[in-house]
Amino acid sequence: MAIIVQDNISNKFYVLIGAGYGTSEAGPFFPMSSSTKSSESERVAVANSDGDISWLPSYQLTVVSVDGQSCKDLLSQ
């Protein structure tokens, strides 16, 4: 299944690879300590036409098509 997305800022097109990019933050004095907390950021993995992978903010993307069909066509079935 191929999901094509468009970057609303650059107008470039990408293939959506996945979502759920997690980040972690550590305290300034003990970067490897147990005080590290995890949080999820709203980013998705996308690939450009060369296959290069990037992480982009989800709010910056719009789904153009899923398997060659527009979202409107898929949801009206």
PDB file of N, CA and C in Angstrom:
ATOM      1  N   MET A   1       0.855  -1.171   0.000  1.00  0.00           N
ATOM      2  CA  MET A   1       0.000   0.000   0.000  1.00  0.00           C
ATOM      3  C   MET A   1       0.902   1.236   0.000  1.00  0.00           C
ATOM      4  N   ALA A   2       0.729   2.107  -0.953  1.00  0.00           N
ATOM      5  CA  ALA A   2       1.505   3.340  -1.045  1.00  0.00           C
ATOM      6  C   ALA A   2       0.634   4.526  -0.649  1.00  0.00           C
ATOM      7  N   ILE A   3       1.140   5.304   0.300  1.00  0.00           N
ATOM      8  CA  ILE A   3       0.460   6.527   0.726  1.00  0.00           C
ATOM      9  C   ILE A   3       1.350   7.693   0.313  1.00  0.00           C
ATOM     10  N   ILE A   4       0.812   8.564  -0.522  1.00  0.00           N
ATOM     11  CA  ILE A   4       1.544   9.732  -1.001  1.00  0.00           C
ATOM     12  C   ILE A   4       1.084  10.944  -0.201  1.00  0.00           C
ATOM     13  N   VAL A   5       2.053  11.696   0.322  1.00  0.00           N
ATOM     14  CA  VAL A   5       1.747  12.900   1.084  1.00  0.00           C
ATOM     15  C   VAL A   5       2.434  14.093   0.442  1.00  0.00           C
ATOM     16  N   GLN A   6       1.891  15.272   0.705  1.00  0.00           N
ATOM     17  CA  GLN A   6       2.487  16.512   0.209  1.00  0.00           C
ATOM     18  C   GLN A   6       2.850  17.382   1.392  1.00  0.00           C
ATOM     19  N   ASP A   7       4.061  17.927   1.368  1.00  0.00           N
ATOM     20  CA  ASP A   7       4.525  18.873   2.379  1.00  0.00           C
ATOM     21  C   ASP A   7       3.849  20.210   2.082  1.00  0.00           C
ATOM     22  N   ASN A   8       3.076  20.710   3.029  1.00  0.00           N
ATOM     23  CA  ASN A   8       2.324  21.948   2.829  1.00  0.00           C
ATOM     24  C   ASN A   8       3.204  23.193   2.765  1.00  0.00           C
ATOM     25  N   ILE A   9       4.445  23.068   3.207  1.00  0.00           N
ATOM     26  CA  ILE A   9       5.353  24.212   3.183  1.00  0.00           C
ATOM     27  C   ILE A   9       6.178  24.239   1.898  1.00  0.00           C
ATOM     28  N   SER A  10       6.793  23.107   1.546  1.00  0.00           N
ATOM     29  CA  SER A  10       7.665  23.057   0.364  1.00  0.00           C
ATOM     30  C   SER A  10       6.936  22.618  -0.898  1.00  0.00           C
ATOM     31  N   ASN A  11       5.725  22.078  -0.752  1.00  0.00           N
ATOM     32  CA  ASN A  11       4.927  21.513  -1.845  1.00  0.00           C
ATOM     33  C   ASN A  11       5.568  20.279  -2.473  1.00  0.00           C
ATOM     34  N   LYS A  12       6.558  19.677  -1.809  1.00  0.00           N
ATOM     35  CA  LYS A  12       7.182  18.448  -2.300  1.00  0.00           C
ATOM     36  C   LYS A  12       6.314  17.255  -1.943  1.00  0.00           C
ATOM     37  N   PHE A  13       6.432  16.185  -2.739  1.00  0.00           N
ATOM     38  CA  PHE A  13       5.684  14.958  -2.514  1.00  0.00           C
ATOM     39  C   PHE A  13       6.602  13.892  -1.938  1.00  0.00           C
ATOM     40  N   TYR A  14       6.037  13.056  -1.061  1.00  0.00           N
ATOM     41  CA  TYR A  14       6.785  11.992  -0.410  1.00  0.00           C
ATOM     42  C   TYR A  14       5.928  10.737  -0.312  1.00  0.00           C
ATOM     43  N   VAL A  15       6.585   9.605  -0.102  1.00  0.00           N
ATOM     44  CA  VAL A  15       5.904   8.364   0.249  1.00  0.00           C
ATOM     45  C   VAL A  15       5.933   8.265   1.766  1.00  0.00           C
ATOM     46  N   LEU A  16       4.779   8.047   2.365  1.00  0.00           N
ATOM     47  CA  LEU A  16       4.693   7.898   3.809  1.00  0.00           C
ATOM     48  C   LEU A  16       5.204   6.513   4.190  1.00  0.00           C
ATOM     49  N   ILE A  17       6.141   6.470   5.143  1.00  0.00           N
ATOM     50  CA  ILE A  17       6.709   5.198   5.587  1.00  0.00           C
ATOM     51  C   ILE A  17       6.116   4.767   6.923  1.00  0.00           C
ATOM     52  N   GLY A  18       6.008   5.691   7.862  1.00  0.00           N
ATOM     53  CA  GLY A  18       5.479   5.325   9.172  1.00  0.00           C
ATOM     54  C   GLY A  18       5.349   6.509  10.085  1.00  0.00           C
ATOM     55  N   ALA A  19       4.762   6.252  11.261  1.00  0.00           N
ATOM     56  CA  ALA A  19       4.539   7.310  12.244  1.00  0.00           C
ATOM     57  C   ALA A  19       4.947   6.818  13.624  1.00  0.00           C
ATOM     58  N   GLY A  20       4.919   7.732  14.594  1.00  0.00           N
ATOM     59  CA  GLY A  20       5.205   7.359  15.959  1.00  0.00           C
ATOM     60  C   GLY A  20       6.651   7.522  16.334  1.00  0.00           C
ATOM     61  N   TYR A  21       7.279   8.554  15.868  1.00  0.00           N
ATOM     62  CA  TYR A  21       8.677   8.834  16.170  1.00  0.00           C
ATOM     63  C   TYR A  21       8.802   9.263  17.619  1.00  0.00           C
ATOM     64  N   GLY A  22       9.526   8.505  18.421  1.00  0.00           N
ATOM     65  CA  GLY A  22       9.688   8.837  19.831  1.00  0.00           C
ATOM     66  C   GLY A  22      10.978   9.587  20.077  1.00  0.00           C
ATOM     67  N   THR A  23      10.967  10.458  21.048  1.00  0.00           N
ATOM     68  CA  THR A  23      12.172  11.185  21.437  1.00  0.00           C
ATOM     69  C   THR A  23      12.370  11.008  22.932  1.00  0.00           C
ATOM     70  N   SER A  24      13.547  11.267  23.386  1.00  0.00           N
ATOM     71  CA  SER A  24      13.776  11.228  24.828  1.00  0.00           C
ATOM     72  C   SER A  24      14.578  12.449  25.231  1.00  0.00           C
ATOM     73  N   GLU A  25      14.390  12.856  26.462  1.00  0.00           N
ATOM     74  CA  GLU A  25      15.086  14.023  26.984  1.00  0.00           C
ATOM     75  C   GLU A  25      15.789  13.614  28.269  1.00  0.00           C
ATOM     76  N   ALA A  26      17.017  14.026  28.431  1.00  0.00           N
ATOM     77  CA  ALA A  26      17.763  13.733  29.649  1.00  0.00           C
ATOM     78  C   ALA A  26      18.091  15.026  30.365  1.00  0.00           C
ATOM     79  N   GLY A  27      18.305  14.917  31.656  1.00  0.00           N
ATOM     80  CA  GLY A  27      18.680  16.096  32.441  1.00  0.00           C
ATOM     81  C   GLY A  27      20.057  16.588  32.028  1.00  0.00           C
ATOM     82  N   PRO A  28      20.358  17.864  32.263  1.00  0.00           N
ATOM     83  CA  PRO A  28      21.619  18.446  31.813  1.00  0.00           C
ATOM     84  C   PRO A  28      22.842  17.896  32.538  1.00  0.00           C
ATOM     85  N   PHE A  29      22.667  17.380  33.772  1.00  0.00           N
ATOM     86  CA  PHE A  29      23.820  16.933  34.538  1.00  0.00           C
ATOM     87  C   PHE A  29      24.061  15.437  34.443  1.00  0.00           C
ATOM     88  N   PHE A  30      23.023  14.691  34.146  1.00  0.00           N
ATOM     89  CA  PHE A  30      23.145  13.242  34.085  1.00  0.00           C
ATOM     90  C   PHE A  30      22.500  12.716  32.812  1.00  0.00           C
ATOM     91  N   PRO A  31      23.155  12.891  31.671  1.00  0.00           N
ATOM     92  CA  PRO A  31      22.525  12.524  30.408  1.00  0.00           C
ATOM     93  C   PRO A  31      22.198  11.040  30.280  1.00  0.00           C
ATOM     94  N   MET A  32      22.866  10.179  31.037  1.00  0.00           N
ATOM     95  CA  MET A  32      22.585   8.752  30.937  1.00  0.00           C
ATOM     96  C   MET A  32      21.847   8.227  32.171  1.00  0.00           C
ATOM     97  N   SER A  33      21.306   9.098  32.977  1.00  0.00           N
ATOM     98  CA  SER A  33      20.657   8.691  34.221  1.00  0.00           C
ATOM     99  C   SER A  33      19.240   8.201  33.977  1.00  0.00           C
ATOM    100  N   SER A  34      18.650   7.668  35.036  1.00  0.00           N
ATOM    101  CA  SER A  34      17.281   7.180  34.947  1.00  0.00           C
ATOM    102  C   SER A  34      16.266   8.313  34.935  1.00  0.00           C
ATOM    103  N   SER A  35      16.729   9.563  35.010  1.00  0.00           N
ATOM    104  CA  SER A  35      15.809  10.695  34.975  1.00  0.00           C
ATOM    105  C   SER A  35      15.366  11.030  33.557  1.00  0.00           C
ATOM    106  N   THR A  36      15.763  10.185  32.596  1.00  0.00           N
ATOM    107  CA  THR A  36      15.367  10.405  31.213  1.00  0.00           C
ATOM    108  C   THR A  36      13.880  10.150  31.065  1.00  0.00           C
ATOM    109  N   LYS A  37      13.194  11.040  30.399  1.00  0.00           N
ATOM    110  CA  LYS A  37      11.766  10.830  30.153  1.00  0.00           C
ATOM    111  C   LYS A  37      11.534  10.727  28.657  1.00  0.00           C
ATOM    112  N   SER A  38      10.601   9.896  28.287  1.00  0.00           N
ATOM    113  CA  SER A  38      10.279   9.715  26.875  1.00  0.00           C
ATOM    114  C   SER A  38       9.001  10.457  26.545  1.00  0.00           C
ATOM    115  N   SER A  39       8.929  10.929  25.342  1.00  0.00           N
ATOM    116  CA  SER A  39       7.711  11.576  24.874  1.00  0.00           C
ATOM    117  C   SER A  39       7.575  11.310  23.388  1.00  0.00           C
ATOM    118  N   GLU A  40       6.379  11.373  22.922  1.00  0.00           N
ATOM    119  CA  GLU A  40       6.136  11.172  21.501  1.00  0.00           C
ATOM    120  C   GLU A  40       5.977  12.532  20.849  1.00  0.00           C
ATOM    121  N   SER A  41       6.649  12.709  19.749  1.00  0.00           N
ATOM    122  CA  SER A  41       6.440  13.916  18.976  1.00  0.00           C
ATOM    123  C   SER A  41       5.609  13.532  17.763  1.00  0.00           C
ATOM    124  N   GLU A  42       4.905  14.468  17.220  1.00  0.00           N
ATOM    125  CA  GLU A  42       4.020  14.183  16.097  1.00  0.00           C
ATOM    126  C   GLU A  42       4.798  14.299  14.799  1.00  0.00           C
ATOM    127  N   ARG A  43       5.604  13.290  14.516  1.00  0.00           N
ATOM    128  CA  ARG A  43       6.407  13.257  13.300  1.00  0.00           C
ATOM    129  C   ARG A  43       6.157  11.956  12.570  1.00  0.00           C
ATOM    130  N   VAL A  44       6.347  12.013  11.264  1.00  0.00           N
ATOM    131  CA  VAL A  44       6.197  10.810  10.450  1.00  0.00           C
ATOM    132  C   VAL A  44       7.430  10.649   9.566  1.00  0.00           C
ATOM    133  N   ALA A  45       7.736   9.407   9.257  1.00  0.00           N
ATOM    134  CA  ALA A  45       8.853   9.106   8.370  1.00  0.00           C
ATOM    135  C   ALA A  45       8.339   9.120   6.934  1.00  0.00           C
ATOM    136  N   VAL A  46       9.062   9.829   6.068  1.00  0.00           N
ATOM    137  CA  VAL A  46       8.705   9.915   4.653  1.00  0.00           C
ATOM    138  C   VAL A  46       9.952   9.669   3.809  1.00  0.00           C
ATOM    139  N   ALA A  47       9.743   9.244   2.575  1.00  0.00           N
ATOM    140  CA  ALA A  47      10.856   9.048   1.644  1.00  0.00           C
ATOM    141  C   ALA A  47      10.622   9.894   0.404  1.00  0.00           C
ATOM    142  N   ASN A  48      11.718  10.494  -0.101  1.00  0.00           N
ATOM    143  CA  ASN A  48      11.603  11.280  -1.335  1.00  0.00           C
ATOM    144  C   ASN A  48      11.823  10.364  -2.545  1.00  0.00           C
ATOM    145  N   SER A  49      11.869  10.934  -3.726  1.00  0.00           N
ATOM    146  CA  SER A  49      11.980  10.136  -4.950  1.00  0.00           C
ATOM    147  C   SER A  49      13.302   9.387  -5.062  1.00  0.00           C
ATOM    148  N   ASP A  50      14.311   9.811  -4.293  1.00  0.00           N
ATOM    149  CA  ASP A  50      15.602   9.109  -4.273  1.00  0.00           C
ATOM    150  C   ASP A  50      15.652   8.042  -3.189  1.00  0.00           C
ATOM    151  N   GLY A  51      14.610   7.957  -2.389  1.00  0.00           N
ATOM    152  CA  GLY A  51      14.568   6.989  -1.303  1.00  0.00           C
ATOM    153  C   GLY A  51      15.164   7.497  -0.005  1.00  0.00           C
ATOM    154  N   ASP A  52      15.560   8.762   0.027  1.00  0.00           N
ATOM    155  CA  ASP A  52      16.110   9.350   1.250  1.00  0.00           C
ATOM    156  C   ASP A  52      14.994   9.519   2.277  1.00  0.00           C
ATOM    157  N   ILE A  53      15.251   9.119   3.514  1.00  0.00           N
ATOM    158  CA  ILE A  53      14.245   9.167   4.576  1.00  0.00           C
ATOM    159  C   ILE A  53      14.419  10.423   5.408  1.00  0.00           C
ATOM    160  N   SER A  54      13.289  11.063   5.726  1.00  0.00           N
ATOM    161  CA  SER A  54      13.261  12.250   6.587  1.00  0.00           C
ATOM    162  C   SER A  54      12.123  12.085   7.583  1.00  0.00           C
ATOM    163  N   TRP A  55      12.226  12.788   8.699  1.00  0.00           N
ATOM    164  CA  TRP A  55      11.147  12.868   9.682  1.00  0.00           C
ATOM    165  C   TRP A  55      10.556  14.273   9.594  1.00  0.00           C
ATOM    166  N   LEU A  56       9.255  14.362   9.328  1.00  0.00           N
ATOM    167  CA  LEU A  56       8.589  15.656   9.193  1.00  0.00           C
ATOM    168  C   LEU A  56       7.434  15.754  10.179  1.00  0.00           C
ATOM    169  N   PRO A  57       7.102  16.963  10.631  1.00  0.00           N
ATOM    170  CA  PRO A  57       5.942  17.134  11.518  1.00  0.00           C
ATOM    171  C   PRO A  57       4.657  16.731  10.791  1.00  0.00           C
ATOM    172  N   SER A  58       3.818  15.969  11.473  1.00  0.00           N
ATOM    173  CA  SER A  58       2.594  15.488  10.839  1.00  0.00           C
ATOM    174  C   SER A  58       1.657  16.622  10.428  1.00  0.00           C
ATOM    175  N   TYR A  59       1.624  17.708  11.207  1.00  0.00           N
ATOM    176  CA  TYR A  59       0.730  18.822  10.868  1.00  0.00           C
ATOM    177  C   TYR A  59       1.128  19.521   9.572  1.00  0.00           C
ATOM    178  N   GLN A  60       2.317  19.246   9.102  1.00  0.00           N
ATOM    179  CA  GLN A  60       2.854  19.887   7.904  1.00  0.00           C
ATOM    180  C   GLN A  60       2.513  19.107   6.633  1.00  0.00           C
ATOM    181  N   LEU A  61       1.863  17.943   6.763  1.00  0.00           N
ATOM    182  CA  LEU A  61       1.612  17.063   5.621  1.00  0.00           C
ATOM    183  C   LEU A  61       0.128  16.876   5.352  1.00  0.00           C
ATOM    184  N   THR A  62      -0.186  16.648   4.080  1.00  0.00           N
ATOM    185  CA  THR A  62      -1.535  16.313   3.658  1.00  0.00           C
ATOM    186  C   THR A  62      -1.466  15.035   2.834  1.00  0.00           C
ATOM    187  N   VAL A  63      -2.368  14.089   3.115  1.00  0.00           N
ATOM    188  CA  VAL A  63      -2.423  12.859   2.324  1.00  0.00           C
ATOM    189  C   VAL A  63      -3.032  13.184   0.965  1.00  0.00           C
ATOM    190  N   VAL A  64      -2.306  12.818  -0.091  1.00  0.00           N
ATOM    191  CA  VAL A  64      -2.763  13.067  -1.457  1.00  0.00           C
ATOM    192  C   VAL A  64      -3.504  11.850  -1.998  1.00  0.00           C
ATOM    193  N   SER A  65      -2.921  10.661  -1.782  1.00  0.00           N
ATOM    194  CA  SER A  65      -3.560   9.449  -2.281  1.00  0.00           C
ATOM    195  C   SER A  65      -3.109   8.226  -1.502  1.00  0.00           C
ATOM    196  N   VAL A  66      -3.960   7.199  -1.532  1.00  0.00           N
ATOM    197  CA  VAL A  66      -3.665   5.893  -0.946  1.00  0.00           C
ATOM    198  C   VAL A  66      -3.882   4.878  -2.048  1.00  0.00           C
ATOM    199  N   ASP A  67      -2.825   4.191  -2.428  1.00  0.00           N
ATOM    200  CA  ASP A  67      -2.882   3.236  -3.540  1.00  0.00           C
ATOM    201  C   ASP A  67      -3.476   3.839  -4.805  1.00  0.00           C
ATOM    202  N   GLY A  68      -3.132   5.087  -5.063  1.00  0.00           N
ATOM    203  CA  GLY A  68      -3.574   5.753  -6.281  1.00  0.00           C
ATOM    204  C   GLY A  68      -4.966   6.345  -6.224  1.00  0.00           C
ATOM    205  N   GLN A  69      -5.660   6.220  -5.111  1.00  0.00           N
ATOM    206  CA  GLN A  69      -7.006   6.784  -4.974  1.00  0.00           C
ATOM    207  C   GLN A  69      -6.975   7.935  -3.979  1.00  0.00           C
ATOM    208  N   SER A  70      -7.755   8.953  -4.253  1.00  0.00           N
ATOM    209  CA  SER A  70      -7.816  10.100  -3.345  1.00  0.00           C
ATOM    210  C   SER A  70      -8.563   9.696  -2.060  1.00  0.00           C
ATOM    211  N   CYS A  71      -8.332  10.437  -1.000  1.00  0.00           N
ATOM    212  CA  CYS A  71      -9.035  10.183   0.255  1.00  0.00           C
ATOM    213  C   CYS A  71     -10.547  10.354   0.075  1.00  0.00           C
ATOM    214  N   LYS A  72     -10.931  11.342  -0.705  1.00  0.00           N
ATOM    215  CA  LYS A  72     -12.344  11.586  -0.953  1.00  0.00           C
ATOM    216  C   LYS A  72     -13.003  10.372  -1.611  1.00  0.00           C
ATOM    217  N   ASP A  73     -12.335   9.803  -2.622  1.00  0.00           N
ATOM    218  CA  ASP A  73     -12.879   8.612  -3.284  1.00  0.00           C
ATOM    219  C   ASP A  73     -12.948   7.428  -2.346  1.00  0.00           C
ATOM    220  N   LEU A  74     -11.929   7.233  -1.549  1.00  0.00           N
ATOM    221  CA  LEU A  74     -11.912   6.090  -0.613  1.00  0.00           C
ATOM    222  C   LEU A  74     -12.979   6.210   0.456  1.00  0.00           C
ATOM    223  N   LEU A  75     -13.186   7.410   0.972  1.00  0.00           N
ATOM    224  CA  LEU A  75     -14.146   7.590   2.066  1.00  0.00           C
ATOM    225  C   LEU A  75     -15.589   7.683   1.605  1.00  0.00           C
ATOM    226  N   SER A  76     -15.815   7.887   0.306  1.00  0.00           N
ATOM    227  CA  SER A  76     -17.195   7.978  -0.193  1.00  0.00           C
ATOM    228  C   SER A  76     -17.740   6.616  -0.614  1.00  0.00           C
ATOM    229  N   GLN A  77     -16.920   5.599  -0.521  1.00  0.00           N
ATOM    230  CA  GLN A  77     -17.372   4.238  -0.922  1.00  0.00           C
ATOM    231  C   GLN A  77     -18.229   3.612   0.134  1.00  0.00           C
TER     232      GLN A  77
END
